[in-house]
PDB file of N, CA and C in Angstrom:
ATOM      1  N   MET A   1     136.549  37.238 -37.534  1.00  0.00           N
ATOM      2  CA  MET A   1     137.642  36.417 -38.007  1.00  0.00           C
ATOM      3  C   MET A   1     138.740  36.429 -36.934  1.00  0.00           C
ATOM      4  N   THR A   2     139.218  35.273 -36.597  1.00  0.00           N
ATOM      5  CA  THR A   2     140.303  35.185 -35.615  1.00  0.00           C
ATOM      6  C   THR A   2     141.639  35.454 -36.296  1.00  0.00           C
ATOM      7  N   VAL A   3     142.653  35.672 -35.487  1.00  0.00           N
ATOM      8  CA  VAL A   3     143.993  35.886 -36.030  1.00  0.00           C
ATOM      9  C   VAL A   3     144.447  34.648 -36.799  1.00  0.00           C
ATOM     10  N   ALA A   4     144.156  33.482 -36.295  1.00  0.00           N
ATOM     11  CA  ALA A   4     144.536  32.229 -36.977  1.00  0.00           C
ATOM     12  C   ALA A   4     143.843  32.118 -38.337  1.00  0.00           C
ATOM     13  N   GLU A   5     142.575  32.507 -38.395  1.00  0.00           N
ATOM     14  CA  GLU A   5     141.844  32.471 -39.668  1.00  0.00           C
ATOM     15  C   GLU A   5     142.410  33.490 -40.652  1.00  0.00           C
ATOM     16  N   LEU A   6     142.747  34.672 -40.141  1.00  0.00           N
ATOM     17  CA  LEU A   6     143.354  35.690 -40.983  1.00  0.00           C
ATOM     18  C   LEU A   6     144.690  35.210 -41.527  1.00  0.00           C
ATOM     19  N   GLU A   7     145.504  34.629 -40.671  1.00  0.00           N
ATOM     20  CA  GLU A   7     146.795  34.108 -41.122  1.00  0.00           C
ATOM     21  C   GLU A   7     146.611  33.032 -42.183  1.00  0.00           C
ATOM     22  N   ALA A   8     145.650  32.144 -41.984  1.00  0.00           N
ATOM     23  CA  ALA A   8     145.390  31.088 -42.963  1.00  0.00           C
ATOM     24  C   ALA A   8     144.943  31.685 -44.301  1.00  0.00           C
ATOM     25  N   GLN A   9     144.101  32.709 -44.251  1.00  0.00           N
ATOM     26  CA  GLN A   9     143.641  33.351 -45.487  1.00  0.00           C
ATOM     27  C   GLN A   9     144.803  33.994 -46.226  1.00  0.00           C
ATOM     28  N   LEU A  10     145.662  34.698 -45.505  1.00  0.00           N
ATOM     29  CA  LEU A  10     146.805  35.348 -46.146  1.00  0.00           C
ATOM     30  C   LEU A  10     147.790  34.316 -46.692  1.00  0.00           C
ATOM     31  N   ARG A  11     148.043  33.257 -45.934  1.00  0.00           N
ATOM     32  CA  ARG A  11     148.947  32.201 -46.408  1.00  0.00           C
ATOM     33  C   ARG A  11     148.408  31.511 -47.657  1.00  0.00           C
ATOM     34  N   SER A  12     147.096  31.459 -47.800  1.00  0.00           N
ATOM     35  CA  SER A  12     146.510  30.788 -48.972  1.00  0.00           C
ATOM     36  C   SER A  12     146.834  31.519 -50.271  1.00  0.00           C
ATOM     37  N   LEU A  13     147.267  32.771 -50.181  1.00  0.00           N
ATOM     38  CA  LEU A  13     147.652  33.533 -51.367  1.00  0.00           C
ATOM     39  C   LEU A  13     149.017  33.108 -51.896  1.00  0.00           C
ATOM     40  N   LEU A  14     149.791  32.467 -51.047  1.00  0.00           N
ATOM     41  CA  LEU A  14     151.184  32.159 -51.361  1.00  0.00           C
ATOM     42  C   LEU A  14     151.323  30.687 -51.730  1.00  0.00           C
ATOM     43  N   LYS A  15     151.793  30.437 -52.928  1.00  0.00           N
ATOM     44  CA  LYS A  15     151.882  29.070 -53.430  1.00  0.00           C
ATOM     45  C   LYS A  15     153.317  28.588 -53.626  1.00  0.00           C
ATOM     46  N   GLY A  16     154.191  29.463 -53.995  1.00  0.00           N
ATOM     47  CA  GLY A  16     155.548  29.071 -54.352  1.00  0.00           C
ATOM     48  C   GLY A  16     156.513  29.084 -53.184  1.00  0.00           C
ATOM     49  N   GLU A  17     157.615  28.415 -53.361  1.00  0.00           N
ATOM     50  CA  GLU A  17     158.659  28.332 -52.338  1.00  0.00           C
ATOM     51  C   GLU A  17     159.233  29.709 -52.015  1.00  0.00           C
ATOM     52  N   TYR A  18     159.271  30.590 -53.005  1.00  0.00           N
ATOM     53  CA  TYR A  18     159.863  31.917 -52.824  1.00  0.00           C
ATOM     54  C   TYR A  18     158.806  33.020 -52.802  1.00  0.00           C
ATOM     55  N   SER A  19     157.598  32.693 -52.404  1.00  0.00           N
ATOM     56  CA  SER A  19     156.531  33.683 -52.345  1.00  0.00           C
ATOM     57  C   SER A  19     156.664  34.533 -51.078  1.00  0.00           C
ATOM     58  N   SER A  20     156.070  35.724 -51.118  1.00  0.00           N
ATOM     59  CA  SER A  20     156.129  36.615 -49.956  1.00  0.00           C
ATOM     60  C   SER A  20     154.912  37.531 -49.956  1.00  0.00           C
ATOM     61  N   LEU A  21     154.699  38.197 -48.811  1.00  0.00           N
ATOM     62  CA  LEU A  21     153.555  39.074 -48.645  1.00  0.00           C
ATOM     63  C   LEU A  21     153.947  40.233 -47.739  1.00  0.00           C
ATOM     64  N   SER A  22     153.435  41.426 -48.052  1.00  0.00           N
ATOM     65  CA  SER A  22     153.665  42.580 -47.174  1.00  0.00           C
ATOM     66  C   SER A  22     152.371  43.380 -47.048  1.00  0.00           C
ATOM     67  N   ILE A  23     152.205  44.000 -45.883  1.00  0.00           N
ATOM     68  CA  ILE A  23     151.071  44.883 -45.619  1.00  0.00           C
ATOM     69  C   ILE A  23     151.656  46.249 -45.285  1.00  0.00           C
ATOM     70  N   ARG A  24     151.135  47.271 -45.957  1.00  0.00           N
ATOM     71  CA  ARG A  24     151.635  48.629 -45.743  1.00  0.00           C
ATOM     72  C   ARG A  24     150.481  49.546 -45.354  1.00  0.00           C
ATOM     73  N   PHE A  25     150.830  50.572 -44.589  1.00  0.00           N
ATOM     74  CA  PHE A  25     149.862  51.595 -44.225  1.00  0.00           C
ATOM     75  C   PHE A  25     150.493  52.967 -44.439  1.00  0.00           C
ATOM     76  N   ASN A  26     149.824  53.783 -45.232  1.00  0.00           N
ATOM     77  CA  ASN A  26     150.221  55.167 -45.484  1.00  0.00           C
ATOM     78  C   ASN A  26     151.669  55.331 -45.924  1.00  0.00           C
ATOM     79  N   ASP A  27     152.076  54.582 -46.923  1.00  0.00           N
ATOM     80  CA  ASP A  27     153.426  54.726 -47.485  1.00  0.00           C
ATOM     81  C   ASP A  27     153.706  56.152 -47.968  1.00  0.00           C
ATOM     82  N   HIS A  28     152.672  56.841 -48.420  1.00  0.00           N
ATOM     83  CA  HIS A  28     152.850  58.208 -48.903  1.00  0.00           C
ATOM     84  C   HIS A  28     153.398  59.130 -47.810  1.00  0.00           C
ATOM     85  N   ALA A  29     153.134  58.824 -46.549  1.00  0.00           N
ATOM     86  CA  ALA A  29     153.576  59.670 -45.438  1.00  0.00           C
ATOM     87  C   ALA A  29     155.102  59.691 -45.297  1.00  0.00           C
ATOM     88  N   ALA A  30     155.765  58.686 -45.849  1.00  0.00           N
ATOM     89  CA  ALA A  30     157.227  58.664 -45.808  1.00  0.00           C
ATOM     90  C   ALA A  30     157.825  59.839 -46.584  1.00  0.00           C
ATOM     91  N   ASN A  31     157.054  60.403 -47.489  1.00  0.00           N
ATOM     92  CA  ASN A  31     157.485  61.571 -48.274  1.00  0.00           C
ATOM     93  C   ASN A  31     156.866  62.865 -47.741  1.00  0.00           C
ATOM     94  N   TYR A  32     156.354  62.829 -46.511  1.00  0.00           N
ATOM     95  CA  TYR A  32     155.730  64.004 -45.877  1.00  0.00           C
ATOM     96  C   TYR A  32     154.571  64.542 -46.703  1.00  0.00           C
ATOM     97  N   GLU A  33     153.792  63.635 -47.289  1.00  0.00           N
ATOM     98  CA  GLU A  33     152.634  64.029 -48.075  1.00  0.00           C
ATOM     99  C   GLU A  33     151.396  63.364 -47.498  1.00  0.00           C
ATOM    100  N   ASP A  34     150.250  64.007 -47.699  1.00  0.00           N
ATOM    101  CA  ASP A  34     149.015  63.313 -47.355  1.00  0.00           C
ATOM    102  C   ASP A  34     148.534  62.571 -48.610  1.00  0.00           C
ATOM    103  N   ALA A  35     147.566  61.708 -48.435  1.00  0.00           N
ATOM    104  CA  ALA A  35     147.103  60.865 -49.541  1.00  0.00           C
ATOM    105  C   ALA A  35     146.582  61.702 -50.703  1.00  0.00           C
ATOM    106  N   GLU A  36     145.862  62.775 -50.409  1.00  0.00           N
ATOM    107  CA  GLU A  36     145.303  63.597 -51.479  1.00  0.00           C
ATOM    108  C   GLU A  36     146.405  64.193 -52.360  1.00  0.00           C
ATOM    109  N   ASP A  37     147.427  64.766 -51.734  1.00  0.00           N
ATOM    110  CA  ASP A  37     148.525  65.345 -52.509  1.00  0.00           C
ATOM    111  C   ASP A  37     149.298  64.277 -53.276  1.00  0.00           C
ATOM    112  N   TYR A  38     149.536  63.157 -52.628  1.00  0.00           N
ATOM    113  CA  TYR A  38     150.300  62.084 -53.259  1.00  0.00           C
ATOM    114  C   TYR A  38     149.595  61.558 -54.504  1.00  0.00           C
ATOM    115  N   TYR A  39     148.319  61.224 -54.378  1.00  0.00           N
ATOM    116  CA  TYR A  39     147.609  60.650 -55.519  1.00  0.00           C
ATOM    117  C   TYR A  39     147.308  61.690 -56.597  1.00  0.00           C
ATOM    118  N   ALA A  40     147.223  62.962 -56.230  1.00  0.00           N
ATOM    119  CA  ALA A  40     147.102  64.020 -57.242  1.00  0.00           C
ATOM    120  C   ALA A  40     148.411  64.142 -58.011  1.00  0.00           C
ATOM    121  N   LEU A  41     149.530  64.005 -57.314  1.00  0.00           N
ATOM    122  CA  LEU A  41     150.847  64.131 -57.942  1.00  0.00           C
ATOM    123  C   LEU A  41     151.120  62.988 -58.919  1.00  0.00           C
ATOM    124  N   ILE A  42     150.802  61.743 -58.516  1.00  0.00           N
ATOM    125  CA  ILE A  42     151.112  60.628 -59.415  1.00  0.00           C
ATOM    126  C   ILE A  42     150.048  60.456 -60.494  1.00  0.00           C
ATOM    127  N   GLY A  43     148.867  61.025 -60.275  1.00  0.00           N
ATOM    128  CA  GLY A  43     147.813  61.081 -61.288  1.00  0.00           C
ATOM    129  C   GLY A  43     147.598  59.799 -62.050  1.00  0.00           C
ATOM    130  N   SER A  44     147.849  59.819 -63.344  1.00  0.00           N
ATOM    131  CA  SER A  44     147.561  58.673 -64.210  1.00  0.00           C
ATOM    132  C   SER A  44     148.475  57.480 -63.942  1.00  0.00           C
ATOM    133  N   GLU A  45     149.551  57.678 -63.195  1.00  0.00           N
ATOM    134  CA  GLU A  45     150.422  56.555 -62.864  1.00  0.00           C
ATOM    135  C   GLU A  45     149.829  55.670 -61.773  1.00  0.00           C
ATOM    136  N   ASP A  46     148.806  56.163 -61.069  1.00  0.00           N
ATOM    137  CA  ASP A  46     148.133  55.375 -60.044  1.00  0.00           C
ATOM    138  C   ASP A  46     147.339  54.279 -60.733  1.00  0.00           C
ATOM    139  N   ASP A  47     147.642  53.038 -60.426  1.00  0.00           N
ATOM    140  CA  ASP A  47     146.952  51.913 -61.052  1.00  0.00           C
ATOM    141  C   ASP A  47     145.606  51.708 -60.360  1.00  0.00           C
ATOM    142  N   ILE A  48     144.562  52.230 -60.977  1.00  0.00           N
ATOM    143  CA  ILE A  48     143.217  52.180 -60.406  1.00  0.00           C
ATOM    144  C   ILE A  48     142.779  50.730 -60.178  1.00  0.00           C
ATOM    145  N   SER A  49     143.267  49.795 -60.962  1.00  0.00           N
ATOM    146  CA  SER A  49     142.864  48.397 -60.799  1.00  0.00           C
ATOM    147  C   SER A  49     143.362  47.796 -59.486  1.00  0.00           C
ATOM    148  N   ASP A  50     144.319  48.441 -58.822  1.00  0.00           N
ATOM    149  CA  ASP A  50     144.790  47.961 -57.523  1.00  0.00           C
ATOM    150  C   ASP A  50     143.785  48.225 -56.409  1.00  0.00           C
ATOM    151  N   TRP A  51     142.898  49.175 -56.608  1.00  0.00           N
ATOM    152  CA  TRP A  51     141.955  49.579 -55.574  1.00  0.00           C
ATOM    153  C   TRP A  51     140.734  48.671 -55.573  1.00  0.00           C
ATOM    154  N   ILE A  52     140.168  48.453 -54.391  1.00  0.00           N
ATOM    155  CA  ILE A  52     138.937  47.655 -54.263  1.00  0.00           C
ATOM    156  C   ILE A  52     137.851  48.242 -55.170  1.00  0.00           C
ATOM    157  N   SER A  53     137.735  49.578 -55.154  1.00  0.00           N
ATOM    158  CA  SER A  53     136.761  50.292 -55.988  1.00  0.00           C
ATOM    159  C   SER A  53     137.185  51.755 -56.064  1.00  0.00           C
ATOM    160  N   THR A  54     136.597  52.476 -56.978  1.00  0.00           N
ATOM    161  CA  THR A  54     136.896  53.912 -57.061  1.00  0.00           C
ATOM    162  C   THR A  54     136.384  54.628 -55.811  1.00  0.00           C
ATOM    163  N   GLU A  55     135.288  54.120 -55.239  1.00  0.00           N
ATOM    164  CA  GLU A  55     134.766  54.712 -54.000  1.00  0.00           C
ATOM    165  C   GLU A  55     135.736  54.492 -52.837  1.00  0.00           C
ATOM    166  N   GLU A  56     136.347  53.309 -52.766  1.00  0.00           N
ATOM    167  CA  GLU A  56     137.334  53.025 -51.721  1.00  0.00           C
ATOM    168  C   GLU A  56     138.553  53.915 -51.881  1.00  0.00           C
ATOM    169  N   ARG A  57     138.962  54.138 -53.112  1.00  0.00           N
ATOM    170  CA  ARG A  57     140.103  55.019 -53.373  1.00  0.00           C
ATOM    171  C   ARG A  57     139.806  56.425 -52.861  1.00  0.00           C
ATOM    172  N   GLN A  58     138.615  56.928 -53.193  1.00  0.00           N
ATOM    173  CA  GLN A  58     138.250  58.273 -52.746  1.00  0.00           C
ATOM    174  C   GLN A  58     138.138  58.335 -51.225  1.00  0.00           C
ATOM    175  N   LYS A  59     137.586  57.302 -50.614  1.00  0.00           N
ATOM    176  CA  LYS A  59     137.477  57.265 -49.150  1.00  0.00           C
ATOM    177  C   LYS A  59     138.869  57.270 -48.514  1.00  0.00           C
ATOM    178  N   ALA A  60     139.810  56.523 -49.099  1.00  0.00           N
ATOM    179  CA  ALA A  60     141.187  56.484 -48.590  1.00  0.00           C
ATOM    180  C   ALA A  60     141.828  57.865 -48.667  1.00  0.00           C
ATOM    181  N   ILE A  61     141.607  58.549 -49.773  1.00  0.00           N
ATOM    182  CA  ILE A  61     142.150  59.897 -49.938  1.00  0.00           C
ATOM    183  C   ILE A  61     141.496  60.861 -48.948  1.00  0.00           C
ATOM    184  N   ASP A  62     140.177  60.787 -48.821  1.00  0.00           N
ATOM    185  CA  ASP A  62     139.446  61.685 -47.922  1.00  0.00           C
ATOM    186  C   ASP A  62     139.839  61.492 -46.459  1.00  0.00           C
ATOM    187  N   THR A  63     140.127  60.262 -46.075  1.00  0.00           N
ATOM    188  CA  THR A  63     140.464  59.968 -44.672  1.00  0.00           C
ATOM    189  C   THR A  63     141.968  59.881 -44.435  1.00  0.00           C
ATOM    190  N   ASN A  64     142.752  60.038 -45.505  1.00  0.00           N
ATOM    191  CA  ASN A  64     144.210  59.920 -45.420  1.00  0.00           C
ATOM    192  C   ASN A  64     144.611  58.590 -44.777  1.00  0.00           C
ATOM    193  N   SER A  65     143.952  57.539 -45.232  1.00  0.00           N
ATOM    194  CA  SER A  65     144.171  56.198 -44.682  1.00  0.00           C
ATOM    195  C   SER A  65     144.253  55.201 -45.838  1.00  0.00           C
ATOM    196  N   VAL A  66     145.474  54.847 -46.216  1.00  0.00           N
ATOM    197  CA  VAL A  66     145.684  53.953 -47.362  1.00  0.00           C
ATOM    198  C   VAL A  66     146.357  52.669 -46.885  1.00  0.00           C
ATOM    199  N   TRP A  67     145.641  51.581 -47.009  1.00  0.00           N
ATOM    200  CA  TRP A  67     146.169  50.251 -46.689  1.00  0.00           C
ATOM    201  C   TRP A  67     146.462  49.529 -47.994  1.00  0.00           C
ATOM    202  N   GLU A  68     147.533  48.764 -47.999  1.00  0.00           N
ATOM    203  CA  GLU A  68     147.938  48.026 -49.197  1.00  0.00           C
ATOM    204  C   GLU A  68     148.462  46.650 -48.791  1.00  0.00           C
ATOM    205  N   ILE A  69     147.984  45.643 -49.484  1.00  0.00           N
ATOM    206  CA  ILE A  69     148.530  44.284 -49.341  1.00  0.00           C
ATOM    207  C   ILE A  69     149.127  43.929 -50.690  1.00  0.00           C
ATOM    208  N   GLN A  70     150.382  43.526 -50.670  1.00  0.00           N
ATOM    209  CA  GLN A  70     151.064  43.124 -51.906  1.00  0.00           C
ATOM    210  C   GLN A  70     151.678  41.757 -51.667  1.00  0.00           C
ATOM    211  N   TRP A  71     151.479  40.863 -52.637  1.00  0.00           N
ATOM    212  CA  TRP A  71     152.048  39.537 -52.486  1.00  0.00           C
ATOM    213  C   TRP A  71     152.592  39.012 -53.803  1.00  0.00           C
ATOM    214  N   TYR A  72     153.598  38.188 -53.656  1.00  0.00           N
ATOM    215  CA  TYR A  72     154.249  37.498 -54.775  1.00  0.00           C
ATOM    216  C   TYR A  72     153.846  36.038 -54.633  1.00  0.00           C
ATOM    217  N   PRO A  73     152.817  35.584 -55.355  1.00  0.00           N
ATOM    218  CA  PRO A  73     152.241  34.267 -55.100  1.00  0.00           C
ATOM    219  C   PRO A  73     153.132  33.077 -55.468  1.00  0.00           C
ATOM    220  N   GLN A  74     153.952  33.201 -56.473  1.00  0.00           N
ATOM    221  CA  GLN A  74     154.743  32.059 -56.935  1.00  0.00           C
ATOM    222  C   GLN A  74     156.243  32.288 -56.782  1.00  0.00           C
ATOM    223  N   THR A  75     156.692  33.449 -57.214  1.00  0.00           N
ATOM    224  CA  THR A  75     158.123  33.759 -57.235  1.00  0.00           C
ATOM    225  C   THR A  75     158.308  35.215 -56.817  1.00  0.00           C
ATOM    226  N   PRO A  76     159.525  35.667 -56.599  1.00  0.00           N
ATOM    227  CA  PRO A  76     159.746  37.065 -56.250  1.00  0.00           C
ATOM    228  C   PRO A  76     159.693  38.013 -57.449  1.00  0.00           C
ATOM    229  N   VAL A  77     159.065  37.591 -58.551  1.00  0.00           N
ATOM    230  CA  VAL A  77     159.031  38.417 -59.754  1.00  0.00           C
ATOM    231  C   VAL A  77     157.643  39.035 -59.963  1.00  0.00           C
ATOM    232  N   GLY A  78     156.628  38.242 -60.243  1.00  0.00           N
ATOM    233  CA  GLY A  78     155.286  38.761 -60.505  1.00  0.00           C
ATOM    234  C   GLY A  78     154.510  38.942 -59.211  1.00  0.00           C
ATOM    235  N   PHE A  79     153.795  40.064 -59.081  1.00  0.00           N
ATOM    236  CA  PHE A  79     153.075  40.308 -57.836  1.00  0.00           C
ATOM    237  C   PHE A  79     151.638  40.734 -58.081  1.00  0.00           C
ATOM    238  N   CYS A  80     150.832  40.661 -57.007  1.00  0.00           N
ATOM    239  CA  CYS A  80     149.460  41.138 -56.970  1.00  0.00           C
ATOM    240  C   CYS A  80     149.392  42.196 -55.879  1.00  0.00           C
ATOM    241  N   ARG A  81     148.487  43.154 -56.033  1.00  0.00           N
ATOM    242  CA  ARG A  81     148.369  44.213 -55.032  1.00  0.00           C
ATOM    243  C   ARG A  81     146.911  44.619 -54.912  1.00  0.00           C
ATOM    244  N   ILE A  82     146.521  44.963 -53.695  1.00  0.00           N
ATOM    245  CA  ILE A  82     145.176  45.445 -53.440  1.00  0.00           C
ATOM    246  C   ILE A  82     145.277  46.614 -52.458  1.00  0.00           C
ATOM    247  N   LYS A  83     144.464  47.668 -52.694  1.00  0.00           N
ATOM    248  CA  LYS A  83     144.485  48.858 -51.844  1.00  0.00           C
ATOM    249  C   LYS A  83     143.061  49.199 -51.405  1.00  0.00           C
ATOM    250  N   ALA A  84     142.961  49.775 -50.199  1.00  0.00           N
ATOM    251  CA  ALA A  84     141.666  50.214 -49.681  1.00  0.00           C
ATOM    252  C   ALA A  84     141.892  51.214 -48.555  1.00  0.00           C
ATOM    253  N   SER A  85     140.806  51.731 -48.019  1.00  0.00           N
ATOM    254  CA  SER A  85     140.883  52.724 -46.955  1.00  0.00           C
ATOM    255  C   SER A  85     141.051  52.104 -45.574  1.00  0.00           C
ATOM    256  N   SER A  86     140.863  50.796 -45.471  1.00  0.00           N
ATOM    257  CA  SER A  86     141.012  50.115 -44.182  1.00  0.00           C
ATOM    258  C   SER A  86     141.583  48.716 -44.412  1.00  0.00           C
ATOM    259  N   LEU A  87     142.177  48.184 -43.373  1.00  0.00           N
ATOM    260  CA  LEU A  87     142.695  46.819 -43.471  1.00  0.00           C
ATOM    261  C   LEU A  87     141.550  45.836 -43.677  1.00  0.00           C
ATOM    262  N   ALA A  88     140.434  46.063 -43.008  1.00  0.00           N
ATOM    263  CA  ALA A  88     139.279  45.180 -43.163  1.00  0.00           C
ATOM    264  C   ALA A  88     138.789  45.147 -44.614  1.00  0.00           C
ATOM    265  N   ALA A  89     138.757  46.313 -45.259  1.00  0.00           N
ATOM    266  CA  ALA A  89     138.342  46.367 -46.660  1.00  0.00           C
ATOM    267  C   ALA A  89     139.337  45.626 -47.549  1.00  0.00           C
ATOM    268  N   CYS A  90     140.632  45.766 -47.264  1.00  0.00           N
ATOM    269  CA  CYS A  90     141.653  45.035 -48.030  1.00  0.00           C
ATOM    270  C   CYS A  90     141.445  43.524 -47.889  1.00  0.00           C
ATOM    271  N   ILE A  91     141.289  43.092 -46.659  1.00  0.00           N
ATOM    272  CA  ILE A  91     141.085  41.651 -46.403  1.00  0.00           C
ATOM    273  C   ILE A  91     139.816  41.181 -47.119  1.00  0.00           C
ATOM    274  N   GLY A  92     138.765  41.960 -47.025  1.00  0.00           N
ATOM    275  CA  GLY A  92     137.509  41.608 -47.710  1.00  0.00           C
ATOM    276  C   GLY A  92     137.689  41.543 -49.218  1.00  0.00           C
ATOM    277  N   GLY A  93     138.541  42.392 -49.763  1.00  0.00           N
ATOM    278  CA  GLY A  93     138.790  42.403 -51.196  1.00  0.00           C
ATOM    279  C   GLY A  93     139.574  41.214 -51.694  1.00  0.00           C
ATOM    280  N   LEU A  94     140.234  40.508 -50.805  1.00  0.00           N
ATOM    281  CA  LEU A  94     140.999  39.328 -51.218  1.00  0.00           C
ATOM    282  C   LEU A  94     140.099  38.212 -51.702  1.00  0.00           C
ATOM    283  N   THR A  95     138.857  38.198 -51.250  1.00  0.00           N
ATOM    284  CA  THR A  95     137.934  37.124 -51.631  1.00  0.00           C
ATOM    285  C   THR A  95     137.207  37.422 -52.938  1.00  0.00           C
ATOM    286  N   LYS A  96     137.405  38.618 -53.486  1.00  0.00           N
ATOM    287  CA  LYS A  96     136.736  38.989 -54.740  1.00  0.00           C
ATOM    288  C   LYS A  96     137.466  38.448 -55.934  1.00  0.00           C
TER     289      LYS A  96
END
């Protein structure tokens, strides 16, 4: 996939005038925690439906590599989010 194709795919998620998108990597590290400690701490508050799969979640924890794409498709109020162990997996999950 070229950069132009990737940009087109990401832009296709955004429909509204006030829509936005962000990509994050290892947000848990901002609190000086690794992924395993962070996700153990938040436990049931972790929205499992945000992850590509339970296997991807475990792989992200095992490798301490958490990628997240979050977008507001119509307005700055309601959002969608997807998480995986790699950016490629996140991008692949957008088509599911």
